[in-house]
Amino acid sequence: MFPAGLPFLLRNISLNDMSTLNISLTESLQGFVDEQVRQRGYSTSSEYLHELIRQDQERQQLRLLLLEGASSEAAETVNAKYFSILRQRVKNYKTGN
């Protein structure tokens, strides 16, 4: 069983593109990683770490987008009508309309 997003990640990485990184962990951290691997259905600790790194990349990208948005001029007034339209767009996206 692959965690969400992992099959996509694996499809886009060839074995030739991978390198090795050795890390040292305390016993308690290693135990935590091992437990996460078991509980979340990862095959290896490497899969778990790949997922953590990917999530961190996404968080950093989101932060950059938020900072960019915060420093830009407002394109439209943000009020109850704006959020109503935004909620409808999200519903339409989820249902494929």
PDB file of N, CA and C in Angstrom:
ATOM      1  N   MET A   1       0.837  -1.185   0.000  1.00  0.00           N
ATOM      2  CA  MET A   1       0.000   0.000   0.000  1.00  0.00           C
ATOM      3  C   MET A   1       0.877   1.242   0.000  1.00  0.00           C
ATOM      4  N   PHE A   2       0.641   2.157  -0.925  1.00  0.00           N
ATOM      5  CA  PHE A   2       1.404   3.386  -0.991  1.00  0.00           C
ATOM      6  C   PHE A   2       0.638   4.526  -0.362  1.00  0.00           C
ATOM      7  N   PRO A   3       1.311   5.383   0.396  1.00  0.00           N
ATOM      8  CA  PRO A   3       0.659   6.577   0.918  1.00  0.00           C
ATOM      9  C   PRO A   3       0.265   7.497  -0.231  1.00  0.00           C
ATOM     10  N   ALA A   4      -0.688   8.376   0.018  1.00  0.00           N
ATOM     11  CA  ALA A   4      -1.164   9.296  -1.014  1.00  0.00           C
ATOM     12  C   ALA A   4       0.004  10.066  -1.595  1.00  0.00           C
ATOM     13  N   GLY A   5       0.034  10.149  -2.915  1.00  0.00           N
ATOM     14  CA  GLY A   5       1.053  10.933  -3.586  1.00  0.00           C
ATOM     15  C   GLY A   5       2.320  10.165  -3.911  1.00  0.00           C
ATOM     16  N   LEU A   6       2.578   9.061  -3.229  1.00  0.00           N
ATOM     17  CA  LEU A   6       3.817   8.344  -3.443  1.00  0.00           C
ATOM     18  C   LEU A   6       3.908   7.688  -4.811  1.00  0.00           C
ATOM     19  N   PRO A   7       2.861   7.045  -5.335  1.00  0.00           N
ATOM     20  CA  PRO A   7       2.987   6.465  -6.672  1.00  0.00           C
ATOM     21  C   PRO A   7       3.365   7.519  -7.708  1.00  0.00           C
ATOM     22  N   PHE A   8       2.803   8.718  -7.600  1.00  0.00           N
ATOM     23  CA  PHE A   8       3.157   9.793  -8.523  1.00  0.00           C
ATOM     24  C   PHE A   8       4.640  10.121  -8.400  1.00  0.00           C
ATOM     25  N   LEU A   9       5.124  10.208  -7.166  1.00  0.00           N
ATOM     26  CA  LEU A   9       6.517  10.511  -6.914  1.00  0.00           C
ATOM     27  C   LEU A   9       7.414   9.439  -7.527  1.00  0.00           C
ATOM     28  N   LEU A  10       7.060   8.188  -7.340  1.00  0.00           N
ATOM     29  CA  LEU A  10       7.885   7.096  -7.847  1.00  0.00           C
ATOM     30  C   LEU A  10       7.871   7.008  -9.367  1.00  0.00           C
ATOM     31  N   ARG A  11       6.749   7.368  -9.992  1.00  0.00           N
ATOM     32  CA  ARG A  11       6.680   7.334 -11.453  1.00  0.00           C
ATOM     33  C   ARG A  11       7.619   8.345 -12.080  1.00  0.00           C
ATOM     34  N   ASN A  12       7.915   9.421 -11.369  1.00  0.00           N
ATOM     35  CA  ASN A  12       8.695  10.503 -11.939  1.00  0.00           C
ATOM     36  C   ASN A  12      10.168  10.473 -11.540  1.00  0.00           C
ATOM     37  N   ILE A  13      10.609   9.396 -10.906  1.00  0.00           N
ATOM     38  CA  ILE A  13      12.005   9.267 -10.509  1.00  0.00           C
ATOM     39  C   ILE A  13      12.527   7.947 -11.066  1.00  0.00           C
ATOM     40  N   SER A  14      13.594   8.028 -11.831  1.00  0.00           N
ATOM     41  CA  SER A  14      14.213   6.793 -12.281  1.00  0.00           C
ATOM     42  C   SER A  14      15.291   6.418 -11.271  1.00  0.00           C
ATOM     43  N   LEU A  15      15.654   5.162 -11.225  1.00  0.00           N
ATOM     44  CA  LEU A  15      16.662   4.725 -10.275  1.00  0.00           C
ATOM     45  C   LEU A  15      17.998   5.404 -10.520  1.00  0.00           C
ATOM     46  N   ASN A  16      18.272   5.786 -11.774  1.00  0.00           N
ATOM     47  CA  ASN A  16      19.519   6.466 -12.083  1.00  0.00           C
ATOM     48  C   ASN A  16      19.569   7.868 -11.500  1.00  0.00           C
ATOM     49  N   ASP A  17      18.403   8.454 -11.210  1.00  0.00           N
ATOM     50  CA  ASP A  17      18.338   9.804 -10.669  1.00  0.00           C
ATOM     51  C   ASP A  17      18.471   9.837  -9.151  1.00  0.00           C
ATOM     52  N   MET A  18      18.546   8.698  -8.534  1.00  0.00           N
ATOM     53  CA  MET A  18      18.540   8.662  -7.070  1.00  0.00           C
ATOM     54  C   MET A  18      19.964   8.604  -6.541  1.00  0.00           C
ATOM     55  N   SER A  19      20.156   9.245  -5.391  1.00  0.00           N
ATOM     56  CA  SER A  19      21.434   9.161  -4.701  1.00  0.00           C
ATOM     57  C   SER A  19      21.172   8.659  -3.288  1.00  0.00           C
ATOM     58  N   THR A  20      22.234   8.377  -2.579  1.00  0.00           N
ATOM     59  CA  THR A  20      22.119   7.836  -1.235  1.00  0.00           C
ATOM     60  C   THR A  20      22.483   8.909  -0.218  1.00  0.00           C
ATOM     61  N   LEU A  21      21.704   8.964   0.847  1.00  0.00           N
ATOM     62  CA  LEU A  21      21.959   9.880   1.952  1.00  0.00           C
ATOM     63  C   LEU A  21      21.924   9.066   3.226  1.00  0.00           C
ATOM     64  N   ASN A  22      23.002   9.074   3.954  1.00  0.00           N
ATOM     65  CA  ASN A  22      23.060   8.352   5.224  1.00  0.00           C
ATOM     66  C   ASN A  22      22.815   9.346   6.352  1.00  0.00           C
ATOM     67  N   ILE A  23      21.914   9.007   7.247  1.00  0.00           N
ATOM     68  CA  ILE A  23      21.643   9.874   8.398  1.00  0.00           C
ATOM     69  C   ILE A  23      21.752   9.057   9.677  1.00  0.00           C
ATOM     70  N   SER A  24      22.114   9.736  10.739  1.00  0.00           N
ATOM     71  CA  SER A  24      22.190   9.106  12.055  1.00  0.00           C
ATOM     72  C   SER A  24      21.011   9.587  12.882  1.00  0.00           C
ATOM     73  N   LEU A  25      20.342   8.661  13.540  1.00  0.00           N
ATOM     74  CA  LEU A  25      19.196   8.982  14.379  1.00  0.00           C
ATOM     75  C   LEU A  25      19.414   8.423  15.772  1.00  0.00           C
ATOM     76  N   THR A  26      18.876   9.118  16.758  1.00  0.00           N
ATOM     77  CA  THR A  26      18.874   8.554  18.101  1.00  0.00           C
ATOM     78  C   THR A  26      17.952   7.334  18.084  1.00  0.00           C
ATOM     79  N   GLU A  27      18.065   6.519  19.100  1.00  0.00           N
ATOM     80  CA  GLU A  27      17.201   5.333  19.165  1.00  0.00           C
ATOM     81  C   GLU A  27      15.730   5.727  19.191  1.00  0.00           C
ATOM     82  N   SER A  28      15.419   6.797  19.904  1.00  0.00           N
ATOM     83  CA  SER A  28      14.007   7.196  19.991  1.00  0.00           C
ATOM     84  C   SER A  28      13.495   7.702  18.637  1.00  0.00           C
ATOM     85  N   LEU A  29      14.311   8.448  17.902  1.00  0.00           N
ATOM     86  CA  LEU A  29      13.878   8.894  16.581  1.00  0.00           C
ATOM     87  C   LEU A  29      13.744   7.718  15.616  1.00  0.00           C
ATOM     88  N   GLN A  30      14.681   6.780  15.683  1.00  0.00           N
ATOM     89  CA  GLN A  30      14.595   5.603  14.826  1.00  0.00           C
ATOM     90  C   GLN A  30      13.339   4.804  15.148  1.00  0.00           C
ATOM     91  N   GLY A  31      13.038   4.691  16.432  1.00  0.00           N
ATOM     92  CA  GLY A  31      11.812   4.000  16.829  1.00  0.00           C
ATOM     93  C   GLY A  31      10.577   4.705  16.294  1.00  0.00           C
ATOM     94  N   PHE A  32      10.592   6.038  16.348  1.00  0.00           N
ATOM     95  CA  PHE A  32       9.463   6.810  15.816  1.00  0.00           C
ATOM     96  C   PHE A  32       9.303   6.569  14.317  1.00  0.00           C
ATOM     97  N   VAL A  33      10.407   6.626  13.574  1.00  0.00           N
ATOM     98  CA  VAL A  33      10.353   6.392  12.128  1.00  0.00           C
ATOM     99  C   VAL A  33       9.827   4.994  11.841  1.00  0.00           C
ATOM    100  N   ASP A  34      10.364   4.002  12.542  1.00  0.00           N
ATOM    101  CA  ASP A  34       9.911   2.619  12.340  1.00  0.00           C
ATOM    102  C   ASP A  34       8.412   2.481  12.596  1.00  0.00           C
ATOM    103  N   GLU A  35       7.928   3.142  13.652  1.00  0.00           N
ATOM    104  CA  GLU A  35       6.505   3.076  13.978  1.00  0.00           C
ATOM    105  C   GLU A  35       5.665   3.747  12.888  1.00  0.00           C
ATOM    106  N   GLN A  36       6.131   4.877  12.366  1.00  0.00           N
ATOM    107  CA  GLN A  36       5.404   5.560  11.294  1.00  0.00           C
ATOM    108  C   GLN A  36       5.343   4.690  10.041  1.00  0.00           C
ATOM    109  N   VAL A  37       6.433   4.022   9.746  1.00  0.00           N
ATOM    110  CA  VAL A  37       6.482   3.125   8.582  1.00  0.00           C
ATOM    111  C   VAL A  37       5.441   2.027   8.743  1.00  0.00           C
ATOM    112  N   ARG A  38       5.373   1.439   9.928  1.00  0.00           N
ATOM    113  CA  ARG A  38       4.406   0.360  10.183  1.00  0.00           C
ATOM    114  C   ARG A  38       2.973   0.892  10.142  1.00  0.00           C
ATOM    115  N   GLN A  39       2.717   1.963  10.872  1.00  0.00           N
ATOM    116  CA  GLN A  39       1.345   2.471  11.006  1.00  0.00           C
ATOM    117  C   GLN A  39       0.793   3.041   9.698  1.00  0.00           C
ATOM    118  N   ARG A  40       1.638   3.652   8.905  1.00  0.00           N
ATOM    119  CA  ARG A  40       1.159   4.347   7.703  1.00  0.00           C
ATOM    120  C   ARG A  40       1.294   3.532   6.429  1.00  0.00           C
ATOM    121  N   GLY A  41       1.804   2.330   6.533  1.00  0.00           N
ATOM    122  CA  GLY A  41       1.836   1.445   5.373  1.00  0.00           C
ATOM    123  C   GLY A  41       2.974   1.668   4.400  1.00  0.00           C
ATOM    124  N   TYR A  42       4.038   2.304   4.837  1.00  0.00           N
ATOM    125  CA  TYR A  42       5.215   2.454   3.965  1.00  0.00           C
ATOM    126  C   TYR A  42       5.974   1.134   3.935  1.00  0.00           C
ATOM    127  N   SER A  43       6.657   0.876   2.839  1.00  0.00           N
ATOM    128  CA  SER A  43       7.466  -0.342   2.740  1.00  0.00           C
ATOM    129  C   SER A  43       8.818  -0.173   3.412  1.00  0.00           C
ATOM    130  N   THR A  44       9.351   1.043   3.355  1.00  0.00           N
ATOM    131  CA  THR A  44      10.673   1.306   3.926  1.00  0.00           C
ATOM    132  C   THR A  44      10.689   2.678   4.589  1.00  0.00           C
ATOM    133  N   SER A  45      11.702   2.890   5.396  1.00  0.00           N
ATOM    134  CA  SER A  45      11.872   4.211   6.006  1.00  0.00           C
ATOM    135  C   SER A  45      12.201   5.246   4.936  1.00  0.00           C
ATOM    136  N   SER A  46      12.830   4.832   3.840  1.00  0.00           N
ATOM    137  CA  SER A  46      13.133   5.769   2.741  1.00  0.00           C
ATOM    138  C   SER A  46      11.846   6.330   2.143  1.00  0.00           C
ATOM    139  N   GLU A  47      10.841   5.482   1.981  1.00  0.00           N
ATOM    140  CA  GLU A  47       9.563   5.962   1.454  1.00  0.00           C
ATOM    141  C   GLU A  47       8.961   7.006   2.382  1.00  0.00           C
ATOM    142  N   TYR A  48       9.036   6.746   3.673  1.00  0.00           N
ATOM    143  CA  TYR A  48       8.511   7.690   4.666  1.00  0.00           C
ATOM    144  C   TYR A  48       9.258   9.026   4.575  1.00  0.00           C
ATOM    145  N   LEU A  49      10.574   8.977   4.500  1.00  0.00           N
ATOM    146  CA  LEU A  49      11.369  10.197   4.412  1.00  0.00           C
ATOM    147  C   LEU A  49      11.125  10.937   3.100  1.00  0.00           C
ATOM    148  N   HIS A  50      10.970  10.208   1.995  1.00  0.00           N
ATOM    149  CA  HIS A  50      10.615  10.853   0.715  1.00  0.00           C
ATOM    150  C   HIS A  50       9.340  11.665   0.873  1.00  0.00           C
ATOM    151  N   GLU A  51       8.346  11.061   1.520  1.00  0.00           N
ATOM    152  CA  GLU A  51       7.063  11.732   1.704  1.00  0.00           C
ATOM    153  C   GLU A  51       7.211  12.978   2.577  1.00  0.00           C
ATOM    154  N   LEU A  52       7.991  12.895   3.639  1.00  0.00           N
ATOM    155  CA  LEU A  52       8.217  14.059   4.501  1.00  0.00           C
ATOM    156  C   LEU A  52       8.892  15.191   3.736  1.00  0.00           C
ATOM    157  N   ILE A  53       9.874  14.857   2.933  1.00  0.00           N
ATOM    158  CA  ILE A  53      10.585  15.869   2.154  1.00  0.00           C
ATOM    159  C   ILE A  53       9.647  16.496   1.131  1.00  0.00           C
ATOM    160  N   ARG A  54       8.853  15.679   0.451  1.00  0.00           N
ATOM    161  CA  ARG A  54       7.905  16.205  -0.528  1.00  0.00           C
ATOM    162  C   ARG A  54       6.909  17.150   0.141  1.00  0.00           C
ATOM    163  N   GLN A  55       6.409  16.766   1.319  1.00  0.00           N
ATOM    164  CA  GLN A  55       5.468  17.622   2.038  1.00  0.00           C
ATOM    165  C   GLN A  55       6.124  18.940   2.444  1.00  0.00           C
ATOM    166  N   ASP A  56       7.393  18.891   2.842  1.00  0.00           N
ATOM    167  CA  ASP A  56       8.105  20.112   3.207  1.00  0.00           C
ATOM    168  C   ASP A  56       8.278  21.011   1.988  1.00  0.00           C
ATOM    169  N   GLN A  57       8.577  20.424   0.832  1.00  0.00           N
ATOM    170  CA  GLN A  57       8.676  21.203  -0.402  1.00  0.00           C
ATOM    171  C   GLN A  57       7.347  21.895  -0.705  1.00  0.00           C
ATOM    172  N   GLU A  58       6.251  21.168  -0.543  1.00  0.00           N
ATOM    173  CA  GLU A  58       4.931  21.749  -0.787  1.00  0.00           C
ATOM    174  C   GLU A  58       4.637  22.880   0.187  1.00  0.00           C
ATOM    175  N   ARG A  59       5.000  22.704   1.462  1.00  0.00           N
ATOM    176  CA  ARG A  59       4.795  23.769   2.454  1.00  0.00           C
ATOM    177  C   ARG A  59       5.582  25.021   2.094  1.00  0.00           C
ATOM    178  N   GLN A  60       6.826  24.830   1.658  1.00  0.00           N
ATOM    179  CA  GLN A  60       7.645  25.976   1.280  1.00  0.00           C
ATOM    180  C   GLN A  60       7.064  26.686   0.059  1.00  0.00           C
ATOM    181  N   GLN A  61       6.599  25.913  -0.919  1.00  0.00           N
ATOM    182  CA  GLN A  61       5.987  26.503  -2.107  1.00  0.00           C
ATOM    183  C   GLN A  61       4.723  27.275  -1.734  1.00  0.00           C
ATOM    184  N   LEU A  62       3.910  26.700  -0.862  1.00  0.00           N
ATOM    185  CA  LEU A  62       2.695  27.383  -0.409  1.00  0.00           C
ATOM    186  C   LEU A  62       3.048  28.675   0.309  1.00  0.00           C
ATOM    187  N   ARG A  63       4.060  28.644   1.143  1.00  0.00           N
ATOM    188  CA  ARG A  63       4.490  29.852   1.859  1.00  0.00           C
ATOM    189  C   ARG A  63       4.890  30.939   0.870  1.00  0.00           C
ATOM    190  N   LEU A  64       5.656  30.569  -0.162  1.00  0.00           N
ATOM    191  CA  LEU A  64       6.057  31.550  -1.175  1.00  0.00           C
ATOM    192  C   LEU A  64       4.846  32.132  -1.894  1.00  0.00           C
ATOM    193  N   LEU A  65       3.888  31.269  -2.223  1.00  0.00           N
ATOM    194  CA  LEU A  65       2.678  31.751  -2.898  1.00  0.00           C
ATOM    195  C   LEU A  65       1.871  32.682  -1.998  1.00  0.00           C
ATOM    196  N   LEU A  66       1.784  32.342  -0.708  1.00  0.00           N
ATOM    197  CA  LEU A  66       1.064  33.199   0.236  1.00  0.00           C
ATOM    198  C   LEU A  66       1.747  34.556   0.388  1.00  0.00           C
ATOM    199  N   LEU A  67       3.070  34.546   0.481  1.00  0.00           N
ATOM    200  CA  LEU A  67       3.805  35.812   0.585  1.00  0.00           C
ATOM    201  C   LEU A  67       3.650  36.646  -0.683  1.00  0.00           C
ATOM    202  N   GLU A  68       3.691  35.979  -1.825  1.00  0.00           N
ATOM    203  CA  GLU A  68       3.489  36.673  -3.102  1.00  0.00           C
ATOM    204  C   GLU A  68       2.088  37.281  -3.156  1.00  0.00           C
ATOM    205  N   GLY A  69       1.101  36.511  -2.746  1.00  0.00           N
ATOM    206  CA  GLY A  69      -0.270  37.013  -2.742  1.00  0.00           C
ATOM    207  C   GLY A  69      -0.465  38.158  -1.767  1.00  0.00           C
ATOM    208  N   ALA A  70       0.164  38.056  -0.611  1.00  0.00           N
ATOM    209  CA  ALA A  70       0.030  39.105   0.401  1.00  0.00           C
ATOM    210  C   ALA A  70       0.655  40.416  -0.055  1.00  0.00           C
ATOM    211  N   SER A  71       1.680  40.327  -0.885  1.00  0.00           N
ATOM    212  CA  SER A  71       2.352  41.557  -1.330  1.00  0.00           C
ATOM    213  C   SER A  71       1.762  42.121  -2.622  1.00  0.00           C
ATOM    214  N   SER A  72       0.820  41.409  -3.227  1.00  0.00           N
ATOM    215  CA  SER A  72       0.206  41.897  -4.461  1.00  0.00           C
ATOM    216  C   SER A  72      -1.031  42.731  -4.147  1.00  0.00           C
ATOM    217  N   GLU A  73      -1.430  43.508  -5.124  1.00  0.00           N
ATOM    218  CA  GLU A  73      -2.641  44.310  -4.951  1.00  0.00           C
ATOM    219  C   GLU A  73      -3.868  43.419  -5.082  1.00  0.00           C
ATOM    220  N   ALA A  74      -4.891  43.764  -4.342  1.00  0.00           N
ATOM    221  CA  ALA A  74      -6.136  42.987  -4.390  1.00  0.00           C
ATOM    222  C   ALA A  74      -6.776  43.136  -5.768  1.00  0.00           C
ATOM    223  N   ALA A  75      -7.160  42.011  -6.340  1.00  0.00           N
ATOM    224  CA  ALA A  75      -7.800  42.029  -7.652  1.00  0.00           C
ATOM    225  C   ALA A  75      -9.288  42.307  -7.530  1.00  0.00           C
ATOM    226  N   GLU A  76      -9.857  41.948  -6.412  1.00  0.00           N
ATOM    227  CA  GLU A  76     -11.274  42.189  -6.182  1.00  0.00           C
ATOM    228  C   GLU A  76     -11.532  42.310  -4.679  1.00  0.00           C
ATOM    229  N   THR A  77     -12.679  42.837  -4.349  1.00  0.00           N
ATOM    230  CA  THR A  77     -13.039  43.013  -2.946  1.00  0.00           C
ATOM    231  C   THR A  77     -13.331  41.667  -2.306  1.00  0.00           C
ATOM    232  N   VAL A  78     -12.742  41.452  -1.137  1.00  0.00           N
ATOM    233  CA  VAL A  78     -12.963  40.206  -0.408  1.00  0.00           C
ATOM    234  C   VAL A  78     -14.067  40.460   0.620  1.00  0.00           C
ATOM    235  N   ASN A  79     -15.225  39.838   0.358  1.00  0.00           N
ATOM    236  CA  ASN A  79     -16.378  39.988   1.247  1.00  0.00           C
ATOM    237  C   ASN A  79     -17.167  38.679   1.221  1.00  0.00           C
ATOM    238  N   ALA A  80     -18.356  38.671   1.768  1.00  0.00           N
ATOM    239  CA  ALA A  80     -19.173  37.455   1.833  1.00  0.00           C
ATOM    240  C   ALA A  80     -19.465  36.912   0.432  1.00  0.00           C
ATOM    241  N   LYS A  81     -19.748  37.794  -0.520  1.00  0.00           N
ATOM    242  CA  LYS A  81     -20.031  37.353  -1.896  1.00  0.00           C
ATOM    243  C   LYS A  81     -18.806  36.670  -2.506  1.00  0.00           C
ATOM    244  N   TYR A  82     -17.634  37.223  -2.275  1.00  0.00           N
ATOM    245  CA  TYR A  82     -16.390  36.642  -2.783  1.00  0.00           C
ATOM    246  C   TYR A  82     -16.228  35.206  -2.274  1.00  0.00           C
ATOM    247  N   PHE A  83     -16.420  35.008  -0.948  1.00  0.00           N
ATOM    248  CA  PHE A  83     -16.255  33.673  -0.372  1.00  0.00           C
ATOM    249  C   PHE A  83     -17.341  32.712  -0.844  1.00  0.00           C
ATOM    250  N   SER A  84     -18.528  33.204  -1.087  1.00  0.00           N
ATOM    251  CA  SER A  84     -19.604  32.370  -1.620  1.00  0.00           C
ATOM    252  C   SER A  84     -19.228  31.852  -3.011  1.00  0.00           C
ATOM    253  N   ILE A  85     -18.712  32.736  -3.840  1.00  0.00           N
ATOM    254  CA  ILE A  85     -18.271  32.343  -5.186  1.00  0.00           C
ATOM    255  C   ILE A  85     -17.106  31.357  -5.091  1.00  0.00           C
ATOM    256  N   LEU A  86     -16.193  31.619  -4.188  1.00  0.00           N
ATOM    257  CA  LEU A  86     -15.042  30.734  -4.006  1.00  0.00           C
ATOM    258  C   LEU A  86     -15.481  29.338  -3.562  1.00  0.00           C
ATOM    259  N   ARG A  87     -16.422  29.272  -2.621  1.00  0.00           N
ATOM    260  CA  ARG A  87     -16.937  27.958  -2.177  1.00  0.00           C
ATOM    261  C   ARG A  87     -17.590  27.217  -3.332  1.00  0.00           C
ATOM    262  N   GLN A  88     -18.332  27.923  -4.176  1.00  0.00           N
ATOM    263  CA  GLN A  88     -18.978  27.289  -5.319  1.00  0.00           C
ATOM    264  C   GLN A  88     -17.935  26.755  -6.308  1.00  0.00           C
ATOM    265  N   ARG A  89     -16.868  27.501  -6.504  1.00  0.00           N
ATOM    266  CA  ARG A  89     -15.791  27.052  -7.399  1.00  0.00           C
ATOM    267  C   ARG A  89     -15.148  25.769  -6.863  1.00  0.00           C
ATOM    268  N   VAL A  90     -14.954  25.705  -5.554  1.00  0.00           N
ATOM    269  CA  VAL A  90     -14.381  24.507  -4.939  1.00  0.00           C
ATOM    270  C   VAL A  90     -15.317  23.326  -5.116  1.00  0.00           C
ATOM    271  N   LYS A  91     -16.613  23.517  -4.866  1.00  0.00           N
ATOM    272  CA  LYS A  91     -17.607  22.445  -5.066  1.00  0.00           C
ATOM    273  C   LYS A  91     -17.576  21.955  -6.502  1.00  0.00           C
ATOM    274  N   ASN A  92     -17.564  22.892  -7.448  1.00  0.00           N
ATOM    275  CA  ASN A  92     -17.535  22.523  -8.861  1.00  0.00           C
ATOM    276  C   ASN A  92     -16.268  21.749  -9.207  1.00  0.00           C
ATOM    277  N   TYR A  93     -15.156  22.147  -8.631  1.00  0.00           N
ATOM    278  CA  TYR A  93     -13.903  21.453  -8.884  1.00  0.00           C
ATOM    279  C   TYR A  93     -13.965  20.019  -8.367  1.00  0.00           C
ATOM    280  N   LYS A  94     -14.489  19.852  -7.157  1.00  0.00           N
ATOM    281  CA  LYS A  94     -14.571  18.509  -6.545  1.00  0.00           C
ATOM    282  C   LYS A  94     -15.490  17.598  -7.329  1.00  0.00           C
ATOM    283  N   THR A  95     -16.560  18.137  -7.909  1.00  0.00           N
ATOM    284  CA  THR A  95     -17.518  17.313  -8.643  1.00  0.00           C
ATOM    285  C   THR A  95     -17.185  17.219 -10.128  1.00  0.00           C
ATOM    286  N   GLY A  96     -16.139  17.934 -10.561  1.00  0.00           N
ATOM    287  CA  GLY A  96     -15.730  17.866 -11.957  1.00  0.00           C
ATOM    288  C   GLY A  96     -16.554  18.717 -12.897  1.00  0.00           C
ATOM    289  N   ASN A  97     -17.308  19.660 -12.361  1.00  0.00           N
ATOM    290  CA  ASN A  97     -18.119  20.548 -13.211  1.00  0.00           C
ATOM    291  C   ASN A  97     -17.346  21.777 -13.623  1.00  0.00           C
TER     292      ASN A  97
END
